[in-house]
């Protein structure tokens, strides 16, 4: 499964995904992604790990409907509509 991660995660988490056979792409810059960047990166992925506040709204879920899974690595879920 190809997974996009919106920020760098701890090495142990990254290794768990790799050991499970997943291909991962991490957004390595310190700045948050714009909505268009997030849509672009997730368009070709099977899964998305949202780290922090990504603003997952109706547009995101409509345009990234191919995603088989979305996970949050944050406190709360108020950024998901």
C-alpha atoms as a PDB file:
ATOM      1  CA  UNK A   1       0.000   0.000   0.000  1.00  0.00           C
ATOM      2  CA  UNK A   2       1.279   3.479  -0.842  1.00  0.00           C
ATOM      3  CA  UNK A   3       0.848   5.847   2.095  1.00  0.00           C
ATOM      4  CA  UNK A   4       1.335   9.605   2.225  1.00  0.00           C
ATOM      5  CA  UNK A   5       2.307  11.119   5.590  1.00  0.00           C
ATOM      6  CA  UNK A   6       1.718  14.851   6.029  1.00  0.00           C
ATOM      7  CA  UNK A   7       4.762  15.414   8.304  1.00  0.00           C
ATOM      8  CA  UNK A   8       7.848  13.545   9.413  1.00  0.00           C
ATOM      9  CA  UNK A   9       6.958  10.913  12.020  1.00  0.00           C
ATOM     10  CA  UNK A  10       9.233   9.176  14.541  1.00  0.00           C
ATOM     11  CA  UNK A  11      11.605   6.618  13.037  1.00  0.00           C
ATOM     12  CA  UNK A  12       9.942   3.746  14.914  1.00  0.00           C
ATOM     13  CA  UNK A  13       6.570   4.490  13.301  1.00  0.00           C
ATOM     14  CA  UNK A  14       8.127   4.839   9.878  1.00  0.00           C
ATOM     15  CA  UNK A  15       9.920   1.504  10.314  1.00  0.00           C
ATOM     16  CA  UNK A  16       6.708  -0.273  11.351  1.00  0.00           C
ATOM     17  CA  UNK A  17       5.063   0.822   8.106  1.00  0.00           C
ATOM     18  CA  UNK A  18       8.069  -0.173   6.010  1.00  0.00           C
ATOM     19  CA  UNK A  19       8.382  -3.563   7.746  1.00  0.00           C
ATOM     20  CA  UNK A  20       4.714  -4.197   6.954  1.00  0.00           C
ATOM     21  CA  UNK A  21       5.536  -3.735   3.264  1.00  0.00           C
ATOM     22  CA  UNK A  22       4.094  -0.269   2.750  1.00  0.00           C
ATOM     23  CA  UNK A  23       5.654   2.367   0.504  1.00  0.00           C
ATOM     24  CA  UNK A  24       5.670   5.698   2.292  1.00  0.00           C
ATOM     25  CA  UNK A  25       6.104   9.293   1.214  1.00  0.00           C
ATOM     26  CA  UNK A  26       6.583  11.940   3.905  1.00  0.00           C
ATOM     27  CA  UNK A  27       6.192  15.688   3.581  1.00  0.00           C
ATOM     28  CA  UNK A  28       9.600  16.695   4.962  1.00  0.00           C
ATOM     29  CA  UNK A  29       9.268  20.476   5.047  1.00  0.00           C
ATOM     30  CA  UNK A  30       8.498  22.293   8.317  1.00  0.00           C
ATOM     31  CA  UNK A  31       5.665  24.295   6.759  1.00  0.00           C
ATOM     32  CA  UNK A  32       2.158  22.857   6.586  1.00  0.00           C
ATOM     33  CA  UNK A  33       0.796  21.686   3.244  1.00  0.00           C
ATOM     34  CA  UNK A  34      -1.690  23.813   1.377  1.00  0.00           C
ATOM     35  CA  UNK A  35      -5.014  22.188   0.522  1.00  0.00           C
ATOM     36  CA  UNK A  36      -3.971  21.883  -3.133  1.00  0.00           C
ATOM     37  CA  UNK A  37      -0.643  20.270  -2.206  1.00  0.00           C
ATOM     38  CA  UNK A  38      -2.417  17.801   0.056  1.00  0.00           C
ATOM     39  CA  UNK A  39      -4.849  16.896  -2.716  1.00  0.00           C
ATOM     40  CA  UNK A  40      -1.985  16.508  -5.193  1.00  0.00           C
ATOM     41  CA  UNK A  41       0.056  14.195  -2.958  1.00  0.00           C
ATOM     42  CA  UNK A  42      -2.899  12.081  -1.846  1.00  0.00           C
ATOM     43  CA  UNK A  43      -4.310  11.644  -5.361  1.00  0.00           C
ATOM     44  CA  UNK A  44      -1.864   8.842  -6.165  1.00  0.00           C
ATOM     45  CA  UNK A  45      -1.883   7.121  -2.761  1.00  0.00           C
ATOM     46  CA  UNK A  46      -3.813   4.271  -1.155  1.00  0.00           C
ATOM     47  CA  UNK A  47      -3.638   5.615   2.385  1.00  0.00           C
ATOM     48  CA  UNK A  48      -3.089   8.886   4.218  1.00  0.00           C
ATOM     49  CA  UNK A  49      -1.636   9.499   7.683  1.00  0.00           C
ATOM     50  CA  UNK A  50      -2.583  13.000   8.764  1.00  0.00           C
ATOM     51  CA  UNK A  51      -0.094  14.330  11.305  1.00  0.00           C
ATOM     52  CA  UNK A  52      -1.344  17.474  13.010  1.00  0.00           C
ATOM     53  CA  UNK A  53      -3.986  19.607  11.368  1.00  0.00           C
ATOM     54  CA  UNK A  54      -4.578  18.828   7.705  1.00  0.00           C
ATOM     55  CA  UNK A  55      -8.133  20.123   7.328  1.00  0.00           C
ATOM     56  CA  UNK A  56      -9.824  17.044   5.890  1.00  0.00           C
ATOM     57  CA  UNK A  57     -13.050  18.379   4.447  1.00  0.00           C
ATOM     58  CA  UNK A  58     -15.667  17.352   1.893  1.00  0.00           C
ATOM     59  CA  UNK A  59     -13.440  18.482  -0.999  1.00  0.00           C
ATOM     60  CA  UNK A  60     -10.578  16.308   0.241  1.00  0.00           C
ATOM     61  CA  UNK A  61     -12.720  13.185   0.581  1.00  0.00           C
ATOM     62  CA  UNK A  62     -14.451  13.770  -2.764  1.00  0.00           C
ATOM     63  CA  UNK A  63     -11.206  14.300  -4.701  1.00  0.00           C
ATOM     64  CA  UNK A  64      -9.303  11.534  -2.887  1.00  0.00           C
ATOM     65  CA  UNK A  65     -12.039   8.921  -2.943  1.00  0.00           C
ATOM     66  CA  UNK A  66      -9.537   6.237  -3.991  1.00  0.00           C
ATOM     67  CA  UNK A  67      -7.986   6.266  -0.490  1.00  0.00           C
ATOM     68  CA  UNK A  68      -8.516   2.961   1.253  1.00  0.00           C
ATOM     69  CA  UNK A  69      -7.685   4.375   4.674  1.00  0.00           C
ATOM     70  CA  UNK A  70      -7.181   7.665   6.494  1.00  0.00           C
ATOM     71  CA  UNK A  71      -5.563   7.807   9.934  1.00  0.00           C
ATOM     72  CA  UNK A  72      -5.010  10.697  12.308  1.00  0.00           C
ATOM     73  CA  UNK A  73      -1.909  11.217  14.446  1.00  0.00           C
ATOM     74  CA  UNK A  74      -3.149  14.143  16.490  1.00  0.00           C
ATOM     75  CA  UNK A  75      -5.157  15.095  19.540  1.00  0.00           C
ATOM     76  CA  UNK A  76      -8.834  15.136  18.688  1.00  0.00           C
ATOM     77  CA  UNK A  77     -10.599  14.981  15.348  1.00  0.00           C
ATOM     78  CA  UNK A  78     -11.947  18.527  14.943  1.00  0.00           C
ATOM     79  CA  UNK A  79     -10.032  18.944  11.690  1.00  0.00           C
ATOM     80  CA  UNK A  80     -12.103  16.231   9.970  1.00  0.00           C
ATOM     81  CA  UNK A  81     -15.451  17.227   8.447  1.00  0.00           C
END
